[in-house]
Protein backbone atom coordinates (compact mmCIF):
# COMPACT_ATOMS: atom_id res chain seq x y z
CA LEU A 1 -0.52 -3.57 -0.60
CA TYR A 2 -1.34 -1.45 2.45
CA PHE A 3 -0.01 -2.77 5.78
CA LEU A 4 -0.84 -1.58 9.28
CA THR A 5 1.05 -2.76 12.37
CA VAL A 6 -0.81 -2.13 15.63
CA ALA A 7 1.54 -2.63 18.60
CA LYS A 8 2.23 -1.20 22.03
CA SER A 9 4.91 1.42 22.51
CA GLY A 10 8.35 0.01 23.09
CA THR A 11 7.64 -3.38 21.50
CA GLY A 12 9.63 -2.78 18.33
CA LYS A 13 6.95 -1.88 15.81
CA GLU A 14 9.51 0.41 14.12
CA TYR A 15 11.54 -2.66 13.15
CA GLY A 16 9.51 -3.04 9.96
CA LYS A 17 10.49 0.46 8.84
CA LYS A 18 14.17 -0.11 9.58
CA ALA A 19 14.20 -3.51 7.88
CA ILE A 20 12.51 -2.20 4.74
CA GLU A 21 14.88 0.73 4.41
CA LYS A 22 18.02 -1.35 5.10
CA VAL A 23 17.08 -4.03 2.58
CA LEU A 24 16.18 -1.59 -0.19
CA GLU A 25 19.28 0.51 0.41
CA SER A 26 21.49 -2.59 0.32
CA ALA A 27 19.81 -3.66 -2.92
CA GLY A 28 20.35 -0.26 -4.50
CA LEU A 29 16.59 0.25 -4.67
CA ASP A 30 16.21 3.07 -2.16
CA ASP A 31 14.74 5.23 -4.94
CA LEU A 32 11.53 3.28 -4.27
CA ILE A 33 11.24 4.85 -0.81
CA GLY A 34 8.82 7.76 -0.87
CA GLY A 35 7.85 10.34 1.70
CA SER A 36 6.50 9.52 5.15
CA GLY A 37 2.89 10.25 4.29
CA TYR A 38 1.00 12.66 2.06
CA THR A 39 -0.14 16.15 3.00
CA SER A 40 -2.58 16.67 0.13
CA PRO A 41 -3.91 15.04 -3.06
CA GLY A 42 -1.36 17.11 -4.96
CA ALA A 43 1.40 15.53 -2.86
CA CYS A 44 0.09 12.06 -3.79
CA PHE A 45 0.17 12.87 -7.49
CA SER A 46 3.56 14.55 -7.27
CA GLU A 47 5.03 11.47 -5.61
CA LEU A 48 3.40 9.14 -8.13
CA ARG A 49 4.55 11.28 -11.03
CA ASP A 50 8.15 10.99 -9.83
CA ARG A 51 7.82 7.40 -8.55
CA PRO A 52 4.88 5.47 -10.09
CA THR A 53 6.04 2.56 -7.91
CA HIS A 54 7.01 3.54 -4.39
CA LEU A 55 6.77 2.71 -0.72
CA SER A 56 5.59 5.11 1.95
CA VAL A 57 6.19 4.40 5.64
CA ILE A 58 3.81 6.27 7.93
CA ASP A 59 4.62 6.28 11.63
CA GLU A 60 2.02 7.23 14.26
CA PHE A 61 -0.79 6.39 11.84
CA GLY A 62 -3.39 6.93 14.56
CA LYS A 63 -2.33 10.57 14.83
CA TYR A 64 -2.44 10.81 11.04
CA LEU A 65 -6.07 9.66 11.04
CA LYS A 66 -6.92 12.10 13.83
CA ALA A 67 -5.41 14.94 11.85
CA CYS A 68 -7.45 13.90 8.81
CA SER A 69 -10.71 14.07 10.76
CA ALA A 70 -9.88 17.41 12.39
CA THR A 71 -11.79 20.46 11.23
CA GLY A 72 -9.95 22.39 8.55
CA ASN A 73 -7.76 19.52 7.37
CA SER A 74 -9.53 18.98 4.08
CA GLN A 75 -6.21 18.55 2.24
CA LEU A 76 -5.26 15.56 4.41
CA GLN A 77 -8.73 14.10 3.97
CA GLU A 78 -8.42 14.43 0.19
CA ALA A 79 -4.99 12.77 0.34
CA VAL A 80 -6.54 9.73 2.01
CA THR A 81 -9.29 9.71 -0.63
CA THR A 82 -6.62 9.68 -3.33
CA LEU A 83 -4.89 6.73 -1.66
CA ILE A 84 -8.20 4.87 -1.52
CA GLU A 85 -8.64 5.43 -5.24
CA ALA A 86 -5.03 4.55 -6.05
CA PHE A 87 -5.46 1.13 -4.43
CA GLY A 88 -8.08 0.23 -7.02
CA ARG A 89 -6.17 1.65 -9.99
CA LEU A 90 -3.33 -0.86 -9.96
CA ASP A 91 -4.51 -2.11 -13.34
CA GLY A 92 -5.89 1.21 -14.54
CA THR A 93 -5.23 4.96 -14.60
CA LEU A 94 -5.37 7.48 -11.77
CA ARG A 95 -6.32 11.03 -12.71
CA PRO A 96 -6.56 14.13 -10.50
CA ARG A 97 -9.76 16.05 -9.97
CA ALA A 98 -10.47 18.97 -12.23
CA TYR A 99 -9.69 22.40 -10.78
CA SER A 100 -10.13 25.87 -12.15
CA SER A 101 -7.46 26.78 -14.69
CA MET A 102 -8.18 30.47 -14.52
CA GLY A 103 -4.97 32.44 -14.10
CA LEU A 104 -2.75 29.66 -15.46
CA THR A 105 -0.60 30.01 -18.53
CA GLU A 106 -1.34 27.82 -21.52
CA LYS A 107 1.69 25.63 -20.72
CA GLN A 108 0.58 25.19 -17.11
CA ARG A 109 -2.97 24.43 -18.24
CA ASP A 110 -1.78 21.73 -20.65
CA ALA A 111 0.39 20.14 -17.97
CA GLU A 112 -2.53 19.98 -15.53
CA GLN A 113 -4.85 18.44 -18.13
CA ARG A 114 -2.36 15.80 -19.25
CA LEU A 115 -1.32 14.53 -15.83
CA LYS A 116 -2.24 10.90 -15.35
CA ILE A 117 -0.68 7.99 -13.51
CA VAL A 118 -0.94 4.72 -15.40
CA ARG A 119 -1.04 1.68 -13.10
CA PRO A 120 0.00 3.42 -9.89
CA ALA A 121 1.67 1.01 -7.46
CA VAL A 122 1.70 2.42 -3.94
CA THR A 123 2.77 0.31 -0.98
CA LEU A 124 1.98 1.68 2.47
CA TYR A 125 3.52 0.47 5.70
CA ALA A 126 1.83 2.20 8.63
CA MET A 127 2.45 1.86 12.36
CA THR A 128 0.39 2.86 15.37
CA THR A 129 -0.31 2.05 18.99
CA PRO A 130 -3.67 0.43 19.90
CA ARG A 131 -4.89 3.42 21.92
CA GLN A 132 -4.06 5.94 19.19
CA PHE A 133 -5.57 3.80 16.47
CA TYR A 134 -8.82 2.68 18.07
CA THR A 135 -9.62 6.13 19.43
CA ALA A 136 -8.93 7.72 16.04
CA ILE A 137 -11.09 5.56 13.78
CA GLY A 138 -14.80 6.13 13.44
CA GLU A 139 -17.73 5.14 11.27
CA ALA A 140 -16.63 7.54 8.55
CA ASP A 141 -13.23 5.83 8.27
CA ILE A 142 -14.89 2.44 7.94
CA GLU A 143 -17.49 3.60 5.42
CA ALA A 144 -14.86 5.36 3.30
CA GLY A 145 -13.17 2.01 2.73
CA MET A 146 -9.65 2.98 3.78
CA LEU A 147 -9.39 0.43 6.60
CA GLY A 148 -10.72 -2.35 4.41
CA ARG A 149 -7.70 -1.92 2.15
CA PHE A 150 -5.22 -2.57 4.95
CA LEU A 151 -3.71 -5.86 6.04
CA VAL A 152 -3.72 -5.31 9.80
CA ILE A 153 -1.07 -6.97 11.96
CA ASN A 154 -2.31 -6.76 15.55
CA SER A 155 0.81 -7.50 17.60
CA GLU A 156 0.48 -9.06 21.04
CA ALA A 157 4.13 -8.37 21.89
CA GLU A 158 4.94 -6.91 25.30
CA CYS A 159 7.83 -4.66 26.34
CA SER A 160 11.08 -6.56 26.75
CA VAL A 161 14.78 -5.99 27.25
CA ARG A 162 16.60 -4.87 24.12
CA ARG A 163 18.85 -7.49 22.58
CA ARG A 164 22.42 -6.51 21.86
CA GLY A 165 23.87 -6.50 18.38
CA LYS A 166 20.54 -6.58 16.55
CA ALA A 167 20.21 -2.90 15.65
CA ASN A 168 23.19 -2.90 13.29
CA ALA A 169 22.53 -6.29 11.70
CA THR A 170 22.99 -6.26 7.92
CA PRO A 171 20.30 -7.69 5.63
CA PRO A 172 20.89 -11.31 4.54
CA PRO A 173 22.55 -11.40 1.07
CA GLY A 174 19.85 -13.77 -0.15
CA VAL A 175 17.11 -11.25 0.66
CA VAL A 176 19.02 -8.46 -1.08
CA ARG A 177 19.52 -10.59 -4.21
CA TRP A 178 15.86 -11.57 -4.14
CA CYS A 179 14.81 -7.89 -4.17
CA GLN A 180 17.10 -7.16 -7.10
CA ASN A 181 15.90 -10.18 -9.05
CA MET A 182 12.24 -9.38 -8.46
CA ARG A 183 12.72 -5.81 -9.60
CA GLN A 184 14.51 -6.91 -12.76
CA ALA A 185 11.91 -9.58 -13.46
CA GLY A 186 9.25 -6.88 -13.63
CA GLY A 187 10.00 -6.16 -17.27
CA GLY A 188 13.14 -4.10 -16.90
CA VAL A 189 11.53 -1.16 -15.07
CA ILE A 190 14.62 -0.45 -12.99
CA SER A 191 17.01 2.40 -12.24
CA GLY A 192 14.25 5.01 -12.36
CA VAL A 193 13.17 4.16 -15.92
CA GLU A 194 9.49 4.10 -15.00
CA VAL A 195 7.35 6.77 -16.62
CA HIS A 196 4.13 7.83 -14.91
CA ASP A 197 2.00 7.95 -18.05
CA VAL A 198 3.29 4.77 -19.73
CA ALA A 199 2.10 1.33 -18.65
CA PRO A 200 4.84 -1.11 -17.66
CA PRO A 201 5.08 -4.51 -19.41
CA THR A 202 2.44 -6.96 -18.21
CA ILE A 203 3.17 -10.53 -17.18
CA GLU A 204 0.02 -12.67 -17.00
CA LEU A 205 -0.27 -15.33 -14.32
CA ASN A 206 -2.56 -18.33 -14.77
CA PHE A 207 -4.60 -19.99 -12.03
CA THR A 208 -4.60 -23.74 -11.55
CA ASP A 209 -8.00 -25.40 -11.11
CA GLU A 210 -7.18 -26.00 -7.43
CA ALA A 211 -6.37 -22.31 -6.97
CA TRP A 212 -9.68 -21.27 -8.54
CA ALA A 213 -11.52 -23.70 -6.24
CA ALA A 214 -9.73 -22.28 -3.18
CA LEU A 215 -10.55 -18.71 -4.25
CA ASP A 216 -14.22 -19.57 -4.86
CA ALA A 217 -14.49 -21.19 -1.43
CA PHE A 218 -12.85 -18.14 0.18
CA GLN A 219 -15.27 -15.77 -1.55
CA GLU A 220 -18.25 -17.85 -0.40
CA ARG A 221 -17.02 -17.51 3.19
CA LEU A 222 -16.60 -13.77 2.68
CA VAL A 223 -20.15 -13.36 1.38
CA LYS A 224 -21.58 -15.15 4.43
CA LYS A 225 -19.44 -13.10 6.78
CA ARG A 226 -20.34 -9.82 5.08
CA ARG A 227 -24.05 -10.60 5.26
CA ALA A 228 -23.69 -11.33 8.97
CA LEU A 229 -21.93 -8.00 9.52
CA ALA A 230 -24.21 -5.92 7.27
CA ALA A 231 -26.38 -4.58 10.11
CA SER A 232 -23.33 -3.24 11.97
CA GLY A 233 -21.81 -1.61 8.88
CA LEU A 234 -18.57 -3.53 9.39
CA ASP A 235 -19.12 -5.60 6.25
CA VAL A 236 -17.19 -2.98 4.22
CA LEU A 237 -14.01 -4.06 6.02
CA LEU A 238 -14.13 -7.30 4.02
CA ALA A 239 -15.05 -5.77 0.68
CA ARG A 240 -11.47 -5.97 -0.64
CA ALA A 241 -10.42 -9.20 1.07
CA ALA A 242 -10.66 -11.35 -2.07
CA GLU A 243 -8.76 -8.80 -4.15
CA ILE A 244 -6.03 -8.55 -1.50
CA SER A 245 -5.73 -12.34 -1.33
CA MET A 246 -5.26 -12.46 -5.11
CA ARG A 247 -2.53 -9.82 -4.91
CA ILE A 248 -0.73 -11.80 -2.21
CA ALA A 249 -1.03 -14.97 -4.31
CA ALA A 250 0.46 -13.12 -7.29
CA ILE A 251 3.35 -11.86 -5.17
CA VAL A 252 4.07 -15.36 -3.82
CA SER A 253 3.89 -16.83 -7.31
CA CYS A 254 6.30 -14.23 -8.71
CA SER A 255 8.62 -14.79 -5.76
CA LYS A 256 8.88 -18.43 -6.81
CA ALA A 257 9.54 -17.34 -10.42
CA THR A 258 6.55 -19.30 -11.68
CA PRO A 259 3.88 -17.97 -14.08
CA THR A 260 1.17 -20.04 -12.39
CA ILE A 261 -0.77 -19.34 -9.21
CA ASP A 262 -1.38 -22.64 -7.42
CA LYS A 263 -3.30 -23.52 -4.27
CA GLY A 264 -0.17 -23.08 -2.17
CA SER A 265 0.08 -19.42 -3.23
């Protein structure tokens, strides 16, 4: 999943980053933490090759988008394009674009041709202020589909006095154990055993009839909303809403250690 927190400066939007890092470090899963953004498509593939499942925390996301749209930053733009593609390859294979192999040795040429990421699982947690974000996005960002892949948390929090003793709080043991159990329940892909070109074991989740009915009703609402927004071009923001809702339902179901997705998920 791709998350975006939009909050004013000084309201604690960095808490998500600190909480994620503290919990994963306490669970011994800090190897899942990737770099703070991607500078090029090659950087995306390098990170996925080393960590097919990883989390990237991007601070000042509004500035990141501005840099992508700036003249001469084609590498950053291509990195975003790769992330857009990776989102839809969770059940497939991500392959890099073909580049000229002139001047490469045979070994280097073979390595370039064979690189593929099977079922890439990237989680993004991005943060930005409202002014930076809303002045950075444009029609191109909406049409490209990047924003439609984000779950946006628009915080209404205001600046407040810092509370003592909260910064050094340790993660609850139950949350740490939950992370460890969820990682182990994923078919044993732990301790860096994941291989970028080998698919992990698949666990199928079934839908109850009530869950199917809820999903169908949600998709009908989405179709009506998208048709209403078609003239403005904002309909693309909802293109992935049903897919994202299914991913969330799968996560909730797995969190409850049940192989069935019910209406409550």
